[in-house]
N, C-alpha and C. Protein backbone atom coordinates (compact mmCIF):
# COMPACT_ATOMS: atom_id res chain seq x y z
N MET A 1 278.72 124.24 36.70
CA MET A 1 277.76 125.32 36.74
C MET A 1 276.98 125.34 35.43
N ASN A 2 275.66 125.41 35.54
CA ASN A 2 274.83 125.50 34.35
C ASN A 2 274.92 126.90 33.75
N PRO A 3 275.04 126.98 32.44
CA PRO A 3 275.08 128.31 31.81
C PRO A 3 273.76 129.04 32.02
N MET A 4 273.85 130.32 32.26
CA MET A 4 272.67 131.17 32.43
C MET A 4 272.59 132.13 31.26
N ARG A 5 271.40 132.69 31.06
CA ARG A 5 271.18 133.63 29.97
C ARG A 5 270.72 134.96 30.55
N PHE A 6 271.44 136.01 30.21
CA PHE A 6 271.13 137.35 30.69
C PHE A 6 270.66 138.22 29.54
N PHE A 7 269.52 138.85 29.71
CA PHE A 7 268.94 139.71 28.69
C PHE A 7 268.92 141.13 29.22
N PHE A 8 269.64 142.03 28.56
CA PHE A 8 269.69 143.43 28.94
C PHE A 8 268.62 144.17 28.15
N ASP A 9 267.69 144.83 28.85
CA ASP A 9 266.61 145.50 28.13
C ASP A 9 267.10 146.79 27.47
N ARG A 10 266.21 147.43 26.74
CA ARG A 10 266.60 148.60 25.93
C ARG A 10 267.01 149.80 26.78
N CYS A 11 266.74 149.78 28.08
CA CYS A 11 267.16 150.89 28.95
C CYS A 11 268.62 150.75 29.38
N CYS A 12 269.20 149.59 29.17
CA CYS A 12 270.61 149.36 29.46
C CYS A 12 271.42 149.69 28.20
N PRO A 13 272.58 150.26 28.35
CA PRO A 13 273.40 150.54 27.17
C PRO A 13 273.79 149.24 26.45
N GLN A 14 273.63 149.25 25.15
CA GLN A 14 274.01 148.09 24.35
C GLN A 14 275.49 147.78 24.54
N ARG A 15 276.28 148.81 24.69
CA ARG A 15 277.72 148.65 24.90
C ARG A 15 278.02 147.90 26.18
N LEU A 16 277.21 148.09 27.21
CA LEU A 16 277.40 147.37 28.47
C LEU A 16 277.26 145.87 28.26
N ALA A 17 276.22 145.48 27.58
CA ALA A 17 276.02 144.05 27.30
C ALA A 17 277.16 143.50 26.45
N ALA A 18 277.63 144.28 25.48
CA ALA A 18 278.72 143.84 24.61
C ALA A 18 280.02 143.66 25.40
N ILE A 19 280.30 144.55 26.32
CA ILE A 19 281.52 144.45 27.14
C ILE A 19 281.45 143.20 28.01
N ILE A 20 280.33 142.99 28.66
CA ILE A 20 280.19 141.81 29.52
C ILE A 20 280.27 140.54 28.68
N ASP A 21 279.64 140.55 27.53
CA ASP A 21 279.68 139.38 26.65
C ASP A 21 281.10 139.07 26.19
N ALA A 22 281.90 140.10 25.97
CA ALA A 22 283.29 139.90 25.53
C ALA A 22 284.11 139.17 26.59
N TYR A 23 283.77 139.36 27.86
CA TYR A 23 284.51 138.72 28.95
C TYR A 23 283.91 137.41 29.41
N GLU A 24 282.68 137.14 29.02
CA GLU A 24 281.95 135.99 29.54
C GLU A 24 282.11 134.77 28.64
N ASP A 25 282.60 133.66 29.21
CA ASP A 25 282.78 132.43 28.44
C ASP A 25 281.68 131.40 28.70
N THR A 26 281.03 131.48 29.83
CA THR A 26 280.08 130.45 30.22
C THR A 26 278.63 130.83 29.95
N HIS A 27 278.27 132.05 30.26
CA HIS A 27 276.89 132.49 30.20
C HIS A 27 276.60 133.26 28.92
N SER A 28 275.34 133.26 28.51
CA SER A 28 274.92 133.99 27.31
C SER A 28 274.46 135.39 27.71
N ILE A 29 274.87 136.36 26.91
CA ILE A 29 274.50 137.76 27.13
C ILE A 29 273.84 138.26 25.86
N ARG A 30 272.68 138.87 25.99
CA ARG A 30 272.01 139.44 24.82
C ARG A 30 271.41 140.78 25.21
N HIS A 31 271.49 141.72 24.29
CA HIS A 31 270.86 143.03 24.47
C HIS A 31 269.58 143.06 23.65
N PHE A 32 268.62 143.80 24.12
CA PHE A 32 267.33 143.95 23.45
C PHE A 32 267.50 144.22 21.96
N SER A 33 268.38 145.14 21.62
CA SER A 33 268.53 145.54 20.21
C SER A 33 269.22 144.46 19.37
N ASP A 34 269.81 143.46 20.01
CA ASP A 34 270.45 142.36 19.28
C ASP A 34 269.50 141.18 19.05
N ASP A 35 268.29 141.28 19.57
CA ASP A 35 267.32 140.21 19.44
C ASP A 35 266.37 140.58 18.30
N ASN A 36 266.44 139.86 17.20
CA ASN A 36 265.66 140.22 16.02
C ASN A 36 264.16 139.97 16.17
N ARG A 37 263.74 139.49 17.31
CA ARG A 37 262.31 139.30 17.56
C ARG A 37 261.63 140.59 17.97
N PHE A 38 262.43 141.61 18.30
CA PHE A 38 261.87 142.84 18.83
C PHE A 38 262.30 144.06 18.00
N VAL A 39 261.41 145.03 17.92
CA VAL A 39 261.75 146.34 17.36
C VAL A 39 261.81 147.31 18.53
N GLN A 40 262.37 148.47 18.29
CA GLN A 40 262.64 149.42 19.38
C GLN A 40 261.39 149.75 20.20
N ASP A 41 260.23 149.79 19.57
CA ASP A 41 259.03 150.18 20.31
C ASP A 41 258.15 148.99 20.71
N THR A 42 258.74 147.80 20.76
CA THR A 42 257.99 146.63 21.24
C THR A 42 257.54 146.90 22.68
N PRO A 43 256.25 146.78 22.95
CA PRO A 43 255.78 147.02 24.32
C PRO A 43 256.45 146.07 25.32
N ASP A 44 256.67 146.56 26.52
CA ASP A 44 257.33 145.75 27.55
C ASP A 44 256.62 144.43 27.79
N VAL A 45 255.30 144.45 27.86
CA VAL A 45 254.57 143.21 28.14
C VAL A 45 254.79 142.18 27.03
N ASP A 46 255.01 142.65 25.81
CA ASP A 46 255.23 141.72 24.69
C ASP A 46 256.58 141.04 24.77
N TRP A 47 257.66 141.83 24.97
CA TRP A 47 258.97 141.17 25.03
C TRP A 47 259.11 140.32 26.29
N ILE A 48 258.45 140.73 27.36
CA ILE A 48 258.48 139.92 28.59
C ILE A 48 257.85 138.55 28.33
N SER A 49 256.70 138.53 27.66
CA SER A 49 256.03 137.25 27.41
C SER A 49 256.83 136.38 26.44
N VAL A 50 257.50 136.98 25.48
CA VAL A 50 258.34 136.21 24.55
C VAL A 50 259.50 135.58 25.31
N LEU A 51 260.18 136.36 26.15
CA LEU A 51 261.31 135.83 26.91
C LEU A 51 260.86 134.75 27.89
N ALA A 52 259.67 134.92 28.47
CA ALA A 52 259.16 133.94 29.43
C ALA A 52 258.92 132.58 28.78
N ALA A 53 258.64 132.58 27.49
CA ALA A 53 258.37 131.33 26.77
C ALA A 53 259.66 130.62 26.35
N ASP A 54 260.79 131.31 26.40
CA ASP A 54 262.06 130.71 26.00
C ASP A 54 262.54 129.69 27.03
N ASP A 55 263.23 128.68 26.54
CA ASP A 55 263.80 127.67 27.43
C ASP A 55 265.23 127.41 26.98
N PRO A 56 266.20 127.60 27.83
CA PRO A 56 266.09 127.97 29.25
C PRO A 56 265.68 129.43 29.43
N ALA A 57 265.26 129.71 30.63
CA ALA A 57 264.76 131.04 30.95
C ALA A 57 265.86 132.09 30.94
N TRP A 58 265.45 133.31 30.72
CA TRP A 58 266.36 134.46 30.75
C TRP A 58 266.34 135.10 32.13
N MET A 59 267.39 135.79 32.45
CA MET A 59 267.43 136.69 33.59
C MET A 59 267.50 138.08 32.99
N VAL A 60 266.55 138.91 33.32
CA VAL A 60 266.45 140.24 32.73
C VAL A 60 267.19 141.24 33.59
N VAL A 61 268.03 142.05 32.93
CA VAL A 61 268.74 143.14 33.59
C VAL A 61 268.18 144.43 33.02
N SER A 62 267.77 145.33 33.90
CA SER A 62 267.12 146.56 33.45
C SER A 62 267.61 147.75 34.26
N MET A 63 267.50 148.91 33.65
CA MET A 63 267.74 150.17 34.35
C MET A 63 266.46 151.01 34.34
N ASP A 64 265.34 150.37 34.05
CA ASP A 64 264.05 151.04 33.91
C ASP A 64 263.22 150.86 35.17
N ALA A 65 263.37 151.79 36.12
CA ALA A 65 262.60 151.71 37.36
C ALA A 65 261.11 151.88 37.12
N HIS A 66 260.74 152.52 36.03
CA HIS A 66 259.33 152.75 35.74
C HIS A 66 258.59 151.45 35.43
N ILE A 67 259.30 150.44 34.97
CA ILE A 67 258.64 149.17 34.63
C ILE A 67 257.98 148.56 35.86
N LEU A 68 258.53 148.82 37.03
CA LEU A 68 257.95 148.28 38.26
C LEU A 68 256.82 149.15 38.80
N LYS A 69 256.70 150.37 38.27
CA LYS A 69 255.66 151.29 38.73
C LYS A 69 254.41 151.24 37.87
N LYS A 70 254.52 150.60 36.71
CA LYS A 70 253.38 150.47 35.81
C LYS A 70 252.70 149.13 36.11
N PRO A 71 251.44 149.17 36.53
CA PRO A 71 250.77 147.94 36.97
C PRO A 71 250.77 146.81 35.94
N ILE A 72 250.53 147.12 34.69
CA ILE A 72 250.45 146.06 33.66
C ILE A 72 251.83 145.43 33.45
N GLU A 73 252.88 146.25 33.37
CA GLU A 73 254.23 145.72 33.17
C GLU A 73 254.69 144.94 34.40
N ARG A 74 254.40 145.48 35.57
CA ARG A 74 254.80 144.78 36.80
C ARG A 74 254.12 143.41 36.89
N LYS A 75 252.83 143.37 36.58
CA LYS A 75 252.10 142.10 36.61
C LYS A 75 252.68 141.12 35.60
N ALA A 76 253.01 141.61 34.41
CA ALA A 76 253.61 140.74 33.38
C ALA A 76 254.92 140.14 33.89
N LEU A 77 255.74 140.95 34.54
CA LEU A 77 257.00 140.44 35.10
C LEU A 77 256.73 139.41 36.19
N GLU A 78 255.83 139.73 37.08
CA GLU A 78 255.54 138.81 38.19
C GLU A 78 255.01 137.47 37.69
N GLU A 79 254.18 137.50 36.67
CA GLU A 79 253.58 136.27 36.15
C GLU A 79 254.52 135.51 35.21
N SER A 80 255.55 136.18 34.71
CA SER A 80 256.44 135.58 33.72
C SER A 80 257.35 134.51 34.30
N GLY A 81 257.69 134.65 35.57
CA GLY A 81 258.64 133.73 36.18
C GLY A 81 260.09 134.09 35.87
N LEU A 82 260.30 135.18 35.15
CA LEU A 82 261.66 135.61 34.84
C LEU A 82 262.32 136.20 36.08
N LYS A 83 263.61 135.98 36.21
CA LYS A 83 264.38 136.67 37.25
C LYS A 83 264.63 138.08 36.72
N PHE A 84 264.45 139.09 37.57
CA PHE A 84 264.54 140.48 37.14
C PHE A 84 265.49 141.23 38.06
N PHE A 85 266.50 141.83 37.46
CA PHE A 85 267.48 142.62 38.21
C PHE A 85 267.35 144.07 37.78
N LEU A 86 267.03 144.94 38.72
CA LEU A 86 266.92 146.36 38.43
C LEU A 86 268.17 147.06 38.95
N LEU A 87 268.90 147.66 38.03
CA LEU A 87 270.08 148.44 38.40
C LEU A 87 269.59 149.84 38.72
N GLY A 88 269.74 150.27 39.96
CA GLY A 88 269.23 151.56 40.41
C GLY A 88 269.87 152.75 39.74
N SER A 89 269.38 153.92 40.06
CA SER A 89 269.80 155.15 39.39
C SER A 89 271.30 155.42 39.54
N GLY A 90 271.91 154.93 40.61
CA GLY A 90 273.35 155.12 40.78
C GLY A 90 274.17 154.52 39.65
N TRP A 91 273.65 153.45 39.04
CA TRP A 91 274.35 152.81 37.93
C TRP A 91 274.43 153.73 36.72
N MET A 92 273.44 154.58 36.55
CA MET A 92 273.40 155.45 35.37
C MET A 92 274.53 156.45 35.34
N HIS A 93 275.05 156.77 36.49
CA HIS A 93 276.09 157.81 36.57
C HIS A 93 277.50 157.23 36.67
N MET A 94 277.60 155.91 36.63
CA MET A 94 278.91 155.27 36.72
C MET A 94 279.58 155.23 35.35
N PRO A 95 280.90 155.31 35.31
CA PRO A 95 281.60 155.10 34.04
C PRO A 95 281.34 153.67 33.54
N MET A 96 281.36 153.50 32.24
CA MET A 96 280.99 152.22 31.63
C MET A 96 281.83 151.07 32.16
N HIS A 97 283.16 151.28 32.34
CA HIS A 97 284.00 150.18 32.81
C HIS A 97 283.62 149.75 34.23
N GLU A 98 283.12 150.66 35.04
CA GLU A 98 282.69 150.30 36.39
C GLU A 98 281.36 149.55 36.35
N LYS A 99 280.47 149.95 35.44
CA LYS A 99 279.20 149.23 35.30
C LYS A 99 279.46 147.77 34.92
N ALA A 100 280.35 147.59 33.96
CA ALA A 100 280.67 146.22 33.49
C ALA A 100 281.28 145.42 34.60
C-alpha cells in the first residue's frame, strides 16, 4: 500500500490529528497549525493552492461545511485536484476518542 498524506484543516481539532498520527504507522497526518507554511488567518484558497502543488498530493479532512458554500473556496477545491473529506456536523458532537 502506498503511503497517503492526510491534512486536517483548522476547523478540525488539532488533538484529533495528533491522536490519529500517534496510531498511524504508514500514512502521514498533519494539522493546519503544524504546517509552518500557514498562519491562522491564511485564506482557504491560499492553503488549498499550496497543498495542491505538493507531491505526493494531500487528502484534506475538514469540518468546515461553509467551505463548500463559498463559491471561490469551492472552485479552488474543485480545481486543486485534492481529495476532500467533509466530516458532517454529527462529528462535532462526538467524544474525541470516537472521532479518532
